[in-house]
Amino acid sequence: MTELSLEVTHHLPHATDRVFNAWLNPEMLAKFMTPGPGMTVPEAQSDAKVGGRFKIIMRTPDGNDLLHEGEYLAIDPHGRLQFTWISPYSQDDSVVTLNFTPSDGGTDIRLHQVRFPSEESRDNHKGGWTMILEALEGAL
């Protein structure tokens, strides 16, 4: 069986430490973890340490709540962040890795996620992560 994965990159015109820290701050997570139009985050929690957990509830425009949670596997300040990703549309053993690189007065972010139950799930996640990275730029 082939392991499905995705990669999304985005340049943000903000300092690398600011971009990195946003991923560990519950108030910031609530502002940008919106993978679709009209979505909100009524609850976000983060125990930002290796072995710590996070919880994000994404609310769809029709009022459905989608729980997303995981465990921090690696936190390399301002360079790399890795965590498990458990959501209604991913496999329980899915892992997301974010790499942050200073570039052109801002930050290049590379998001790589592995393990999806189907190509449709992978493609939907790719679209969602793209929107999240765009929302992060606006939230900063």
C-alpha atoms as a PDB file:
ATOM      1  CA  MET A   1       0.000   0.000   0.000  1.00  0.00           C
ATOM      2  CA  THR A   2       1.306   3.438  -0.930  1.00  0.00           C
ATOM      3  CA  GLU A   3       1.439   5.947   1.898  1.00  0.00           C
ATOM      4  CA  LEU A   4      -0.401   9.098   0.839  1.00  0.00           C
ATOM      5  CA  SER A   5       1.145  12.445   1.764  1.00  0.00           C
ATOM      6  CA  LEU A   6       0.825  16.117   0.936  1.00  0.00           C
ATOM      7  CA  GLU A   7       2.975  19.221   0.965  1.00  0.00           C
ATOM      8  CA  VAL A   8       1.915  22.861   1.084  1.00  0.00           C
ATOM      9  CA  THR A   9       4.291  25.835   1.084  1.00  0.00           C
ATOM     10  CA  HIS A  10       3.605  29.493   1.731  1.00  0.00           C
ATOM     11  CA  HIS A  11       5.659  32.662   2.246  1.00  0.00           C
ATOM     12  CA  LEU A  12       4.576  34.926   5.093  1.00  0.00           C
ATOM     13  CA  PRO A  13       5.882  38.490   5.430  1.00  0.00           C
ATOM     14  CA  HIS A  14       6.459  38.029   9.170  1.00  0.00           C
ATOM     15  CA  ALA A  15       9.431  37.105  11.361  1.00  0.00           C
ATOM     16  CA  THR A  16      10.054  33.382  11.783  1.00  0.00           C
ATOM     17  CA  ASP A  17       9.676  33.432  15.585  1.00  0.00           C
ATOM     18  CA  ARG A  18       6.280  35.124  15.269  1.00  0.00           C
ATOM     19  CA  VAL A  19       5.039  32.622  12.669  1.00  0.00           C
ATOM     20  CA  PHE A  20       6.341  29.645  14.680  1.00  0.00           C
ATOM     21  CA  ASN A  21       4.883  30.848  17.986  1.00  0.00           C
ATOM     22  CA  ALA A  22       1.435  31.335  16.449  1.00  0.00           C
ATOM     23  CA  TRP A  23       1.161  27.539  16.047  1.00  0.00           C
ATOM     24  CA  LEU A  24       1.563  27.034  19.809  1.00  0.00           C
ATOM     25  CA  ASN A  25      -0.687  29.852  21.049  1.00  0.00           C
ATOM     26  CA  PRO A  26      -4.375  28.913  21.576  1.00  0.00           C
ATOM     27  CA  GLU A  27      -5.613  32.463  20.933  1.00  0.00           C
ATOM     28  CA  MET A  28      -3.767  32.561  17.603  1.00  0.00           C
ATOM     29  CA  LEU A  29      -4.885  29.034  16.666  1.00  0.00           C
ATOM     30  CA  ALA A  30      -8.487  30.206  17.118  1.00  0.00           C
ATOM     31  CA  LYS A  31      -7.847  33.000  14.598  1.00  0.00           C
ATOM     32  CA  PHE A  32      -6.315  31.007  11.743  1.00  0.00           C
ATOM     33  CA  MET A  33      -7.256  27.304  11.959  1.00  0.00           C
ATOM     34  CA  THR A  34     -10.132  27.869   9.539  1.00  0.00           C
ATOM     35  CA  PRO A  35      -9.846  25.515   6.550  1.00  0.00           C
ATOM     36  CA  GLY A  36     -12.930  26.770   4.753  1.00  0.00           C
ATOM     37  CA  PRO A  37     -15.080  29.865   4.156  1.00  0.00           C
ATOM     38  CA  GLY A  38     -17.316  30.777   7.093  1.00  0.00           C
ATOM     39  CA  MET A  39     -15.572  28.408   9.502  1.00  0.00           C
ATOM     40  CA  THR A  40     -14.742  29.491  13.047  1.00  0.00           C
ATOM     41  CA  VAL A  41     -12.809  28.053  15.990  1.00  0.00           C
ATOM     42  CA  PRO A  42     -14.870  28.350  19.195  1.00  0.00           C
ATOM     43  CA  GLU A  43     -12.267  26.429  21.220  1.00  0.00           C
ATOM     44  CA  ALA A  44      -8.513  25.943  20.990  1.00  0.00           C
ATOM     45  CA  GLN A  45      -6.170  24.501  23.623  1.00  0.00           C
ATOM     46  CA  SER A  46      -2.434  23.885  23.501  1.00  0.00           C
ATOM     47  CA  ASP A  47      -0.029  22.308  25.986  1.00  0.00           C
ATOM     48  CA  ALA A  48       3.033  23.409  24.017  1.00  0.00           C
ATOM     49  CA  LYS A  49       5.666  20.868  24.988  1.00  0.00           C
ATOM     50  CA  VAL A  50       6.875  17.593  23.514  1.00  0.00           C
ATOM     51  CA  GLY A  51       4.313  15.046  24.686  1.00  0.00           C
ATOM     52  CA  GLY A  52       1.758  17.810  25.279  1.00  0.00           C
ATOM     53  CA  ARG A  53      -1.546  17.796  23.464  1.00  0.00           C
ATOM     54  CA  PHE A  54      -3.625  20.278  21.532  1.00  0.00           C
ATOM     55  CA  LYS A  55      -7.336  20.434  20.809  1.00  0.00           C
ATOM     56  CA  ILE A  56      -9.042  22.563  18.163  1.00  0.00           C
ATOM     57  CA  ILE A  57     -12.769  22.600  17.514  1.00  0.00           C
ATOM     58  CA  MET A  58     -13.594  23.884  14.043  1.00  0.00           C
ATOM     59  CA  ARG A  59     -17.199  24.975  13.532  1.00  0.00           C
ATOM     60  CA  THR A  60     -18.681  24.751  10.050  1.00  0.00           C
ATOM     61  CA  PRO A  61     -21.016  27.470   8.726  1.00  0.00           C
ATOM     62  CA  ASP A  62     -24.011  25.186   9.407  1.00  0.00           C
ATOM     63  CA  GLY A  63     -23.015  24.810  13.074  1.00  0.00           C
ATOM     64  CA  ASN A  64     -21.351  21.377  13.070  1.00  0.00           C
ATOM     65  CA  ASP A  65     -18.323  21.069  15.348  1.00  0.00           C
ATOM     66  CA  LEU A  66     -15.308  19.094  14.088  1.00  0.00           C
ATOM     67  CA  LEU A  67     -12.780  18.002  16.705  1.00  0.00           C
ATOM     68  CA  HIS A  68      -9.103  18.077  15.724  1.00  0.00           C
ATOM     69  CA  GLU A  69      -6.481  17.026  18.225  1.00  0.00           C
ATOM     70  CA  GLY A  70      -3.025  15.595  18.525  1.00  0.00           C
ATOM     71  CA  GLU A  71       0.242  15.346  20.404  1.00  0.00           C
ATOM     72  CA  TYR A  72       3.372  17.432  19.920  1.00  0.00           C
ATOM     73  CA  LEU A  73       6.193  15.141  18.781  1.00  0.00           C
ATOM     74  CA  ALA A  74       8.902  17.780  18.184  1.00  0.00           C
ATOM     75  CA  ILE A  75       9.178  21.467  19.016  1.00  0.00           C
ATOM     76  CA  ASP A  76      12.412  22.948  17.677  1.00  0.00           C
ATOM     77  CA  PRO A  77      11.938  26.682  18.376  1.00  0.00           C
ATOM     78  CA  HIS A  78      11.527  28.727  15.227  1.00  0.00           C
ATOM     79  CA  GLY A  79      12.666  25.848  12.991  1.00  0.00           C
ATOM     80  CA  ARG A  80      10.427  22.787  13.097  1.00  0.00           C
ATOM     81  CA  LEU A  81       7.179  21.645  14.656  1.00  0.00           C
ATOM     82  CA  GLN A  82       5.789  18.113  14.397  1.00  0.00           C
ATOM     83  CA  PHE A  83       2.533  16.714  15.759  1.00  0.00           C
ATOM     84  CA  THR A  84       0.030  13.926  15.306  1.00  0.00           C
ATOM     85  CA  TRP A  85      -3.217  14.956  13.594  1.00  0.00           C
ATOM     86  CA  ILE A  86      -6.466  13.268  14.556  1.00  0.00           C
ATOM     87  CA  SER A  87      -9.556  14.553  12.773  1.00  0.00           C
ATOM     88  CA  PRO A  88     -12.810  13.148  11.413  1.00  0.00           C
ATOM     89  CA  TYR A  89     -11.212  12.931   7.958  1.00  0.00           C
ATOM     90  CA  SER A  90      -7.699  11.623   8.669  1.00  0.00           C
ATOM     91  CA  GLN A  91      -6.139   8.450  10.005  1.00  0.00           C
ATOM     92  CA  ASP A  92      -5.263   8.311  13.699  1.00  0.00           C
ATOM     93  CA  ASP A  93      -1.564   7.888  12.869  1.00  0.00           C
ATOM     94  CA  SER A  94      -1.361  10.948  10.597  1.00  0.00           C
ATOM     95  CA  VAL A  95       1.612  13.244  11.305  1.00  0.00           C
ATOM     96  CA  VAL A  96       2.097  16.900  10.332  1.00  0.00           C
ATOM     97  CA  THR A  97       5.567  18.451  10.100  1.00  0.00           C
ATOM     98  CA  LEU A  98       6.057  22.207   9.727  1.00  0.00           C
ATOM     99  CA  ASN A  99       9.415  23.678   8.724  1.00  0.00           C
ATOM    100  CA  PHE A 100      10.047  27.417   9.124  1.00  0.00           C
ATOM    101  CA  THR A 101      12.823  29.122   7.135  1.00  0.00           C
ATOM    102  CA  PRO A 102      13.697  32.828   7.215  1.00  0.00           C
ATOM    103  CA  SER A 103      13.425  34.213   3.677  1.00  0.00           C
ATOM    104  CA  ASP A 104      13.165  37.649   2.039  1.00  0.00           C
ATOM    105  CA  GLY A 105      12.456  39.456   5.317  1.00  0.00           C
ATOM    106  CA  GLY A 106       9.745  36.957   6.230  1.00  0.00           C
ATOM    107  CA  THR A 107       9.244  33.223   6.622  1.00  0.00           C
ATOM    108  CA  ASP A 108       8.841  30.334   4.219  1.00  0.00           C
ATOM    109  CA  ILE A 109       6.659  27.666   5.790  1.00  0.00           C
ATOM    110  CA  ARG A 110       6.564  24.094   4.488  1.00  0.00           C
ATOM    111  CA  LEU A 111       3.790  21.834   5.763  1.00  0.00           C
ATOM    112  CA  HIS A 112       4.085  18.097   5.142  1.00  0.00           C
ATOM    113  CA  GLN A 113       1.420  15.618   6.265  1.00  0.00           C
ATOM    114  CA  VAL A 114       1.511  11.834   5.954  1.00  0.00           C
ATOM    115  CA  ARG A 115      -1.070   9.051   6.162  1.00  0.00           C
ATOM    116  CA  PHE A 116      -4.557   9.519   4.784  1.00  0.00           C
ATOM    117  CA  PRO A 117      -7.368   6.997   4.370  1.00  0.00           C
ATOM    118  CA  SER A 118      -7.944   8.026   0.728  1.00  0.00           C
ATOM    119  CA  GLU A 119      -6.795  10.334  -2.049  1.00  0.00           C
ATOM    120  CA  GLU A 120      -9.978  12.371  -1.520  1.00  0.00           C
ATOM    121  CA  SER A 121      -9.080  12.902   2.143  1.00  0.00           C
ATOM    122  CA  ARG A 122      -5.535  13.934   1.188  1.00  0.00           C
ATOM    123  CA  ASP A 123      -6.786  16.373  -1.450  1.00  0.00           C
ATOM    124  CA  ASN A 124      -9.342  17.886   0.958  1.00  0.00           C
ATOM    125  CA  HIS A 125      -6.631  18.327   3.603  1.00  0.00           C
ATOM    126  CA  LYS A 126      -4.358  19.999   1.061  1.00  0.00           C
ATOM    127  CA  GLY A 127      -7.073  22.547   0.305  1.00  0.00           C
ATOM    128  CA  GLY A 128      -7.749  23.048   4.004  1.00  0.00           C
ATOM    129  CA  TRP A 129      -4.087  23.556   4.915  1.00  0.00           C
ATOM    130  CA  THR A 130      -3.707  26.025   2.029  1.00  0.00           C
ATOM    131  CA  MET A 131      -6.579  28.106   3.419  1.00  0.00           C
ATOM    132  CA  ILE A 132      -5.170  27.835   6.959  1.00  0.00           C
ATOM    133  CA  LEU A 133      -1.771  29.161   5.861  1.00  0.00           C
ATOM    134  CA  GLU A 134      -3.473  32.056   4.076  1.00  0.00           C
ATOM    135  CA  ALA A 135      -5.557  32.771   7.200  1.00  0.00           C
ATOM    136  CA  LEU A 136      -2.373  32.671   9.319  1.00  0.00           C
ATOM    137  CA  GLU A 137      -0.896  35.444   7.205  1.00  0.00           C
ATOM    138  CA  GLY A 138      -4.005  37.576   7.846  1.00  0.00           C
ATOM    139  CA  ALA A 139      -4.073  36.750  11.577  1.00  0.00           C
ATOM    140  CA  LEU A 140      -0.482  37.888  12.088  1.00  0.00           C
END
